[in-house]
Amino acid sequence: ALFRRRVAPRRLRVLLEGEILLNDGTAIVMFNLALVFALENGFSLTRGVTEFLAISGGGILIGIALGTLVSLLISRINDHLVETTLTIVLAFGSYLLAESFHVSGVLAVVAAGIVNGNIGPRGMSPTTRMVLFNFWEFAAFFANSLIFLLIGITINLQVMFTNWQAIGWAILAVLMARAAAIYGFSMFAREISARWKHVLYWGGLRGAISLALALSLPQVGAFGAERALLQAMTFGVA
């Protein structure tokens, strides 16, 4: 939204949004794997890599297949309400189908959205495109707002104050990791200017996905005792 108001370069917007999509999708897969290892009190690098590839790849394949199917259906329909409904079915359907096969529902939705967003509009009327894009822009705004509303409802200020040192370390760790990822790996893409790197650095420090994952932490076993600390650190960073 800020990029549109500032009329930012399209390539910069694509770089930021593309990285965010990949980050969010892979981060959720990594989070779930890490959660399993934490609950099992054990870690296996080989198993972790194998499951990550299987879960990610399976979700992407399901998303591509369903995205292509819905795009073909949209090309044969000329009703903006039906076409918008099909995209809603695609979003929820790809997630539920992928999860039923124990692969990444989030990456399935991302893949389905990318395919449908590039192929689907070719068969849409101008009215349908306008209705569809406005609907999903509102849906994204509503979902993001809901996450931060949940923070306000669930946050415990006393826990935040008690764990201020852990929050400080978490903020420092996130800033350093982000700097290593952007300024380090972008050396392989020399055409990205230093000013764009600064935008990518701060633009990627988002909170909604992390907050949603922190709220989903289970209250079971010994892990439950660390739940409040992890949530406080995540809320503090955001």
C-alpha atoms as a PDB file:
ATOM      1  CA  ALA A   1       0.000   0.000   0.000  1.00  0.00           C
ATOM      2  CA  LEU A   2       2.859   2.375   0.844  1.00  0.00           C
ATOM      3  CA  PHE A   3       4.588   1.521  -2.432  1.00  0.00           C
ATOM      4  CA  ARG A   4       1.438   2.385  -4.389  1.00  0.00           C
ATOM      5  CA  ARG A   5       1.070   5.740  -2.636  1.00  0.00           C
ATOM      6  CA  ARG A   6       4.741   6.574  -3.210  1.00  0.00           C
ATOM      7  CA  VAL A   7       4.705   5.213  -6.783  1.00  0.00           C
ATOM      8  CA  ALA A   8       7.718   3.015  -5.996  1.00  0.00           C
ATOM      9  CA  PRO A   9       9.541   1.181  -8.824  1.00  0.00           C
ATOM     10  CA  ARG A  10       7.684  -1.957  -9.865  1.00  0.00           C
ATOM     11  CA  ARG A  11      10.816  -4.111  -9.714  1.00  0.00           C
ATOM     12  CA  LEU A  12      11.462  -3.097  -6.093  1.00  0.00           C
ATOM     13  CA  ARG A  13       7.881  -4.006  -5.217  1.00  0.00           C
ATOM     14  CA  VAL A  14       8.227  -7.397  -6.938  1.00  0.00           C
ATOM     15  CA  LEU A  15      11.500  -8.081  -5.098  1.00  0.00           C
ATOM     16  CA  LEU A  16       9.966  -7.245  -1.714  1.00  0.00           C
ATOM     17  CA  GLU A  17       6.676  -9.083  -2.236  1.00  0.00           C
ATOM     18  CA  GLY A  18       8.386 -12.103  -3.798  1.00  0.00           C
ATOM     19  CA  GLU A  19      10.811 -12.438  -0.907  1.00  0.00           C
ATOM     20  CA  ILE A  20       7.981 -12.042   1.601  1.00  0.00           C
ATOM     21  CA  LEU A  21       5.983 -14.828  -0.079  1.00  0.00           C
ATOM     22  CA  LEU A  22       8.939 -17.211   0.008  1.00  0.00           C
ATOM     23  CA  ASN A  23       9.871 -16.208   3.559  1.00  0.00           C
ATOM     24  CA  ASP A  24       6.370 -16.660   4.955  1.00  0.00           C
ATOM     25  CA  GLY A  25       5.743 -19.982   3.247  1.00  0.00           C
ATOM     26  CA  THR A  26       9.073 -21.586   4.144  1.00  0.00           C
ATOM     27  CA  ALA A  27       9.089 -20.071   7.639  1.00  0.00           C
ATOM     28  CA  ILE A  28       5.808 -21.762   8.531  1.00  0.00           C
ATOM     29  CA  VAL A  29       7.144 -25.128   7.331  1.00  0.00           C
ATOM     30  CA  MET A  30      10.353 -24.620   9.338  1.00  0.00           C
ATOM     31  CA  PHE A  31       8.343 -23.538  12.386  1.00  0.00           C
ATOM     32  CA  ASN A  32       6.230 -26.688  12.325  1.00  0.00           C
ATOM     33  CA  LEU A  33       9.309 -28.907  11.923  1.00  0.00           C
ATOM     34  CA  ALA A  34      11.080 -27.121  14.771  1.00  0.00           C
ATOM     35  CA  LEU A  35       7.968 -27.497  16.931  1.00  0.00           C
ATOM     36  CA  VAL A  36       7.903 -31.249  16.306  1.00  0.00           C
ATOM     37  CA  PHE A  37      11.581 -31.566  17.230  1.00  0.00           C
ATOM     38  CA  ALA A  38      11.031 -29.474  20.363  1.00  0.00           C
ATOM     39  CA  LEU A  39       8.113 -31.637  21.500  1.00  0.00           C
ATOM     40  CA  GLU A  40      10.081 -34.822  20.762  1.00  0.00           C
ATOM     41  CA  ASN A  41      13.201 -33.483  22.515  1.00  0.00           C
ATOM     42  CA  GLY A  42      15.342 -34.549  19.584  1.00  0.00           C
ATOM     43  CA  PHE A  43      16.750 -33.216  16.320  1.00  0.00           C
ATOM     44  CA  SER A  44      17.868 -34.935  13.124  1.00  0.00           C
ATOM     45  CA  LEU A  45      19.351 -32.840  10.326  1.00  0.00           C
ATOM     46  CA  THR A  46      18.752 -35.526   7.703  1.00  0.00           C
ATOM     47  CA  ARG A  47      15.147 -35.988   8.740  1.00  0.00           C
ATOM     48  CA  GLY A  48      14.623 -32.233   8.931  1.00  0.00           C
ATOM     49  CA  VAL A  49      15.925 -31.591   5.397  1.00  0.00           C
ATOM     50  CA  THR A  50      14.020 -34.553   3.948  1.00  0.00           C
ATOM     51  CA  GLU A  51      10.726 -33.572   5.558  1.00  0.00           C
ATOM     52  CA  PHE A  52      11.203 -29.915   4.626  1.00  0.00           C
ATOM     53  CA  LEU A  53      11.666 -30.787   0.943  1.00  0.00           C
ATOM     54  CA  ALA A  54       8.769 -33.251   0.952  1.00  0.00           C
ATOM     55  CA  ILE A  55       6.360 -30.928   2.783  1.00  0.00           C
ATOM     56  CA  SER A  56       7.318 -27.865   0.726  1.00  0.00           C
ATOM     57  CA  GLY A  57       7.413 -29.650  -2.630  1.00  0.00           C
ATOM     58  CA  GLY A  58       4.127 -31.447  -2.042  1.00  0.00           C
ATOM     59  CA  GLY A  59       2.347 -28.224  -1.131  1.00  0.00           C
ATOM     60  CA  ILE A  60       3.708 -26.383  -4.166  1.00  0.00           C
ATOM     61  CA  LEU A  61       2.666 -29.169  -6.565  1.00  0.00           C
ATOM     62  CA  ILE A  62      -0.885 -29.257  -5.189  1.00  0.00           C
ATOM     63  CA  GLY A  63      -1.107 -25.461  -5.417  1.00  0.00           C
ATOM     64  CA  ILE A  64       0.085 -25.418  -9.044  1.00  0.00           C
ATOM     65  CA  ALA A  65      -2.392 -28.143 -10.040  1.00  0.00           C
ATOM     66  CA  LEU A  66      -5.409 -26.486  -8.381  1.00  0.00           C
ATOM     67  CA  GLY A  67      -4.370 -23.007  -9.535  1.00  0.00           C
ATOM     68  CA  THR A  68      -4.234 -24.214 -13.138  1.00  0.00           C
ATOM     69  CA  LEU A  69      -7.600 -25.979 -12.831  1.00  0.00           C
ATOM     70  CA  VAL A  70      -9.380 -22.923 -11.397  1.00  0.00           C
ATOM     71  CA  SER A  71      -7.768 -20.667 -14.022  1.00  0.00           C
ATOM     72  CA  LEU A  72      -9.230 -22.895 -16.759  1.00  0.00           C
ATOM     73  CA  LEU A  73     -12.660 -22.728 -15.118  1.00  0.00           C
ATOM     74  CA  ILE A  74     -12.473 -18.936 -14.833  1.00  0.00           C
ATOM     75  CA  SER A  75     -11.622 -18.635 -18.534  1.00  0.00           C
ATOM     76  CA  ARG A  76     -14.944 -20.368 -19.354  1.00  0.00           C
ATOM     77  CA  ILE A  77     -17.104 -18.246 -17.030  1.00  0.00           C
ATOM     78  CA  ASN A  78     -18.244 -14.658 -17.443  1.00  0.00           C
ATOM     79  CA  ASP A  79     -19.699 -13.772 -14.047  1.00  0.00           C
ATOM     80  CA  HIS A  80     -17.631 -11.688 -11.642  1.00  0.00           C
ATOM     81  CA  LEU A  81     -19.368 -13.086  -8.537  1.00  0.00           C
ATOM     82  CA  VAL A  82     -18.815 -16.706  -9.552  1.00  0.00           C
ATOM     83  CA  GLU A  83     -15.201 -16.019 -10.543  1.00  0.00           C
ATOM     84  CA  THR A  84     -14.480 -14.290  -7.226  1.00  0.00           C
ATOM     85  CA  THR A  85     -16.084 -17.202  -5.384  1.00  0.00           C
ATOM     86  CA  LEU A  86     -13.851 -19.638  -7.286  1.00  0.00           C
ATOM     87  CA  THR A  87     -10.742 -17.829  -6.032  1.00  0.00           C
ATOM     88  CA  ILE A  88     -12.039 -18.106  -2.449  1.00  0.00           C
ATOM     89  CA  VAL A  89     -12.655 -21.828  -2.970  1.00  0.00           C
ATOM     90  CA  LEU A  90      -9.155 -22.108  -4.447  1.00  0.00           C
ATOM     91  CA  ALA A  91      -7.550 -20.434  -1.418  1.00  0.00           C
ATOM     92  CA  PHE A  92      -9.295 -22.565   1.207  1.00  0.00           C
ATOM     93  CA  GLY A  93      -9.497 -25.704  -0.923  1.00  0.00           C
ATOM     94  CA  SER A  94      -5.794 -25.811  -1.769  1.00  0.00           C
ATOM     95  CA  TYR A  95      -4.914 -25.308   1.903  1.00  0.00           C
ATOM     96  CA  LEU A  96      -7.272 -28.024   3.166  1.00  0.00           C
ATOM     97  CA  LEU A  97      -6.302 -30.511   0.455  1.00  0.00           C
ATOM     98  CA  ALA A  98      -2.587 -30.004   1.069  1.00  0.00           C
ATOM     99  CA  GLU A  99      -3.001 -30.355   4.837  1.00  0.00           C
ATOM    100  CA  SER A 100      -4.989 -33.564   4.345  1.00  0.00           C
ATOM    101  CA  PHE A 101      -1.919 -34.988   2.573  1.00  0.00           C
ATOM    102  CA  HIS A 102       0.312 -33.675   5.406  1.00  0.00           C
ATOM    103  CA  VAL A 103       2.148 -31.195   3.180  1.00  0.00           C
ATOM    104  CA  SER A 104       2.355 -27.404   3.414  1.00  0.00           C
ATOM    105  CA  GLY A 105      -1.067 -25.804   3.066  1.00  0.00           C
ATOM    106  CA  VAL A 106       0.446 -22.326   3.102  1.00  0.00           C
ATOM    107  CA  LEU A 107       2.838 -23.029   0.215  1.00  0.00           C
ATOM    108  CA  ALA A 108      -0.055 -24.656  -1.653  1.00  0.00           C
ATOM    109  CA  VAL A 109      -2.033 -21.420  -1.318  1.00  0.00           C
ATOM    110  CA  VAL A 110       0.977 -19.331  -2.387  1.00  0.00           C
ATOM    111  CA  ALA A 111       1.597 -21.513  -5.456  1.00  0.00           C
ATOM    112  CA  ALA A 112      -2.112 -21.566  -6.344  1.00  0.00           C
ATOM    113  CA  GLY A 113      -2.282 -17.787  -5.991  1.00  0.00           C
ATOM    114  CA  ILE A 114       0.762 -17.199  -8.169  1.00  0.00           C
ATOM    115  CA  VAL A 115      -0.554 -19.494 -10.925  1.00  0.00           C
ATOM    116  CA  ASN A 116      -4.105 -18.144 -10.754  1.00  0.00           C
ATOM    117  CA  GLY A 117      -2.909 -14.544 -10.505  1.00  0.00           C
ATOM    118  CA  ASN A 118      -0.866 -14.883 -13.695  1.00  0.00           C
ATOM    119  CA  ILE A 119      -3.133 -17.131 -15.778  1.00  0.00           C
ATOM    120  CA  GLY A 120      -6.603 -16.375 -14.400  1.00  0.00           C
ATOM    121  CA  PRO A 121      -6.812 -12.639 -15.268  1.00  0.00           C
ATOM    122  CA  ARG A 122      -6.302 -13.430 -18.981  1.00  0.00           C
ATOM    123  CA  GLY A 123      -9.793 -14.901 -19.085  1.00  0.00           C
ATOM    124  CA  MET A 124     -11.416 -12.234 -16.909  1.00  0.00           C
ATOM    125  CA  SER A 125     -13.397  -9.182 -17.921  1.00  0.00           C
ATOM    126  CA  PRO A 126     -12.215  -5.748 -16.681  1.00  0.00           C
ATOM    127  CA  THR A 127     -15.132  -5.722 -14.193  1.00  0.00           C
ATOM    128  CA  THR A 128     -14.130  -9.083 -12.771  1.00  0.00           C
ATOM    129  CA  ARG A 129     -10.492  -8.034 -12.382  1.00  0.00           C
ATOM    130  CA  MET A 130     -11.502  -4.869 -10.523  1.00  0.00           C
ATOM    131  CA  VAL A 131     -13.923  -6.709  -8.199  1.00  0.00           C
ATOM    132  CA  LEU A 132     -11.449  -9.536  -7.587  1.00  0.00           C
ATOM    133  CA  PHE A 133      -8.438  -7.370  -6.776  1.00  0.00           C
ATOM    134  CA  ASN A 134     -10.478  -5.073  -4.516  1.00  0.00           C
ATOM    135  CA  PHE A 135     -11.954  -8.050  -2.666  1.00  0.00           C
ATOM    136  CA  TRP A 136      -8.581  -9.667  -1.954  1.00  0.00           C
ATOM    137  CA  GLU A 137      -7.016  -6.347  -0.992  1.00  0.00           C
ATOM    138  CA  PHE A 138      -9.747  -5.942   1.635  1.00  0.00           C
ATOM    139  CA  ALA A 139      -9.376  -9.591   2.747  1.00  0.00           C
ATOM    140  CA  ALA A 140      -5.630  -9.142   3.247  1.00  0.00           C
ATOM    141  CA  PHE A 141      -6.169  -5.907   5.192  1.00  0.00           C
ATOM    142  CA  PHE A 142      -8.843  -7.534   7.373  1.00  0.00           C
ATOM    143  CA  ALA A 143      -6.720 -10.614   8.135  1.00  0.00           C
ATOM    144  CA  ASN A 144      -3.685  -8.498   9.028  1.00  0.00           C
ATOM    145  CA  SER A 145      -5.787  -6.241  11.252  1.00  0.00           C
ATOM    146  CA  LEU A 146      -7.318  -9.268  12.973  1.00  0.00           C
ATOM    147  CA  ILE A 147      -3.871 -10.599  13.911  1.00  0.00           C
ATOM    148  CA  PHE A 148      -2.910  -7.338  15.598  1.00  0.00           C
ATOM    149  CA  LEU A 149      -6.298  -7.174  17.328  1.00  0.00           C
ATOM    150  CA  LEU A 150      -5.595 -10.635  18.751  1.00  0.00           C
ATOM    151  CA  ILE A 151      -2.288  -9.296  20.081  1.00  0.00           C
ATOM    152  CA  GLY A 152      -4.084  -6.567  21.961  1.00  0.00           C
ATOM    153  CA  ILE A 153      -6.535  -9.067  23.427  1.00  0.00           C
ATOM    154  CA  THR A 154      -3.968 -11.694  24.467  1.00  0.00           C
ATOM    155  CA  ILE A 155      -0.874  -9.677  25.362  1.00  0.00           C
ATOM    156  CA  ASN A 156       0.172  -9.570  29.005  1.00  0.00           C
ATOM    157  CA  LEU A 157       2.097  -6.373  29.716  1.00  0.00           C
ATOM    158  CA  GLN A 158       3.514  -7.716  32.968  1.00  0.00           C
ATOM    159  CA  VAL A 159       5.050 -10.665  31.113  1.00  0.00           C
ATOM    160  CA  MET A 160       6.532  -8.207  28.588  1.00  0.00           C
ATOM    161  CA  PHE A 161       8.118  -6.135  31.369  1.00  0.00           C
ATOM    162  CA  THR A 162       9.410  -9.231  33.151  1.00  0.00           C
ATOM    163  CA  ASN A 163      11.105 -10.549  29.998  1.00  0.00           C
ATOM    164  CA  TRP A 164      12.501  -7.250  28.716  1.00  0.00           C
ATOM    165  CA  GLN A 165      16.033  -8.667  28.508  1.00  0.00           C
ATOM    166  CA  ALA A 166      14.937 -11.641  26.402  1.00  0.00           C
ATOM    167  CA  ILE A 167      12.972  -9.270  24.168  1.00  0.00           C
ATOM    168  CA  GLY A 168      16.070  -7.094  23.723  1.00  0.00           C
ATOM    169  CA  TRP A 169      18.160 -10.095  22.681  1.00  0.00           C
ATOM    170  CA  ALA A 170      15.408 -11.225  20.310  1.00  0.00           C
ATOM    171  CA  ILE A 171      15.272  -7.812  18.627  1.00  0.00           C
ATOM    172  CA  LEU A 172      19.058  -7.790  18.238  1.00  0.00           C
ATOM    173  CA  ALA A 173      19.056 -11.338  16.827  1.00  0.00           C
ATOM    174  CA  VAL A 174      16.331 -10.517  14.281  1.00  0.00           C
ATOM    175  CA  LEU A 175      18.072  -7.326  13.130  1.00  0.00           C
ATOM    176  CA  MET A 176      21.399  -9.136  12.722  1.00  0.00           C
ATOM    177  CA  ALA A 177      19.851 -12.111  10.908  1.00  0.00           C
ATOM    178  CA  ARG A 178      17.962  -9.790   8.575  1.00  0.00           C
ATOM    179  CA  ALA A 179      21.132  -7.812   7.842  1.00  0.00           C
ATOM    180  CA  ALA A 180      23.053 -11.010   7.054  1.00  0.00           C
ATOM    181  CA  ALA A 181      20.278 -12.221   4.752  1.00  0.00           C
ATOM    182  CA  ILE A 182      19.833  -8.984   2.787  1.00  0.00           C
ATOM    183  CA  TYR A 183      23.278  -7.380   2.694  1.00  0.00           C
ATOM    184  CA  GLY A 184      25.052 -10.733   2.627  1.00  0.00           C
ATOM    185  CA  PHE A 185      23.139 -12.660  -0.024  1.00  0.00           C
ATOM    186  CA  SER A 186      22.411  -9.579  -2.170  1.00  0.00           C
ATOM    187  CA  MET A 187      26.135  -9.453  -2.989  1.00  0.00           C
ATOM    188  CA  PHE A 188      25.314 -12.126  -5.559  1.00  0.00           C
ATOM    189  CA  ALA A 189      22.925  -9.673  -7.269  1.00  0.00           C
ATOM    190  CA  ARG A 190      25.066  -6.633  -7.916  1.00  0.00           C
ATOM    191  CA  GLU A 191      22.340  -4.764  -9.815  1.00  0.00           C
ATOM    192  CA  ILE A 192      20.427  -4.183  -6.539  1.00  0.00           C
ATOM    193  CA  SER A 193      21.382  -0.729  -5.281  1.00  0.00           C
ATOM    194  CA  ALA A 194      22.275   0.054  -1.668  1.00  0.00           C
ATOM    195  CA  ARG A 195      19.102   2.150  -1.283  1.00  0.00           C
ATOM    196  CA  TRP A 196      16.941  -0.774  -2.395  1.00  0.00           C
ATOM    197  CA  LYS A 197      18.752  -3.052   0.044  1.00  0.00           C
ATOM    198  CA  HIS A 198      17.794  -0.698   2.883  1.00  0.00           C
ATOM    199  CA  VAL A 199      14.124  -0.899   1.827  1.00  0.00           C
ATOM    200  CA  LEU A 200      14.279  -4.701   1.602  1.00  0.00           C
ATOM    201  CA  TYR A 201      15.977  -4.842   5.016  1.00  0.00           C
ATOM    202  CA  TRP A 202      13.241  -2.964   6.857  1.00  0.00           C
ATOM    203  CA  GLY A 203      10.394  -4.125   4.603  1.00  0.00           C
ATOM    204  CA  GLY A 204      11.012  -7.757   5.539  1.00  0.00           C
ATOM    205  CA  LEU A 205      10.787  -7.217   9.316  1.00  0.00           C
ATOM    206  CA  ARG A 206       7.106  -8.083   9.407  1.00  0.00           C
ATOM    207  CA  GLY A 207       5.095  -9.255  12.374  1.00  0.00           C
ATOM    208  CA  ALA A 208       1.774 -10.815  11.349  1.00  0.00           C
ATOM    209  CA  ILE A 209       2.979 -14.317  10.452  1.00  0.00           C
ATOM    210  CA  SER A 210       5.307 -14.544  13.466  1.00  0.00           C
ATOM    211  CA  LEU A 211       2.549 -13.359  15.789  1.00  0.00           C
ATOM    212  CA  ALA A 212       0.067 -15.873  14.392  1.00  0.00           C
ATOM    213  CA  LEU A 213       2.597 -18.682  14.885  1.00  0.00           C
ATOM    214  CA  ALA A 214       3.380 -17.535  18.431  1.00  0.00           C
ATOM    215  CA  LEU A 215      -0.329 -17.547  19.282  1.00  0.00           C
ATOM    216  CA  SER A 216      -0.592 -21.104  17.922  1.00  0.00           C
ATOM    217  CA  LEU A 217       2.064 -22.531  20.261  1.00  0.00           C
ATOM    218  CA  PRO A 218       0.644 -25.513  22.208  1.00  0.00           C
ATOM    219  CA  GLN A 219       0.249 -25.552  25.976  1.00  0.00           C
ATOM    220  CA  VAL A 220       1.485 -29.102  26.467  1.00  0.00           C
ATOM    221  CA  GLY A 221       4.243 -30.732  28.513  1.00  0.00           C
ATOM    222  CA  ALA A 222       7.431 -28.925  29.418  1.00  0.00           C
ATOM    223  CA  PHE A 223       7.119 -26.824  26.275  1.00  0.00           C
ATOM    224  CA  GLY A 224       4.077 -25.053  27.655  1.00  0.00           C
ATOM    225  CA  ALA A 225       6.220 -23.338  30.293  1.00  0.00           C
ATOM    226  CA  GLU A 226       8.216 -21.552  27.571  1.00  0.00           C
ATOM    227  CA  ARG A 227       5.116 -20.459  25.645  1.00  0.00           C
ATOM    228  CA  ALA A 228       4.689 -17.145  27.463  1.00  0.00           C
ATOM    229  CA  LEU A 229       8.383 -16.288  27.038  1.00  0.00           C
ATOM    230  CA  LEU A 230       8.361 -17.049  23.293  1.00  0.00           C
ATOM    231  CA  GLN A 231       5.180 -15.033  22.812  1.00  0.00           C
ATOM    232  CA  ALA A 232       6.599 -12.099  24.761  1.00  0.00           C
ATOM    233  CA  MET A 233       9.758 -12.141  22.622  1.00  0.00           C
ATOM    234  CA  THR A 234       7.732 -12.317  19.406  1.00  0.00           C
ATOM    235  CA  PHE A 235       5.358  -9.554  20.445  1.00  0.00           C
ATOM    236  CA  GLY A 236       8.319  -7.445  21.569  1.00  0.00           C
ATOM    237  CA  VAL A 237      10.063  -7.780  18.205  1.00  0.00           C
ATOM    238  CA  ALA A 238       6.867  -6.876  16.311  1.00  0.00           C
END
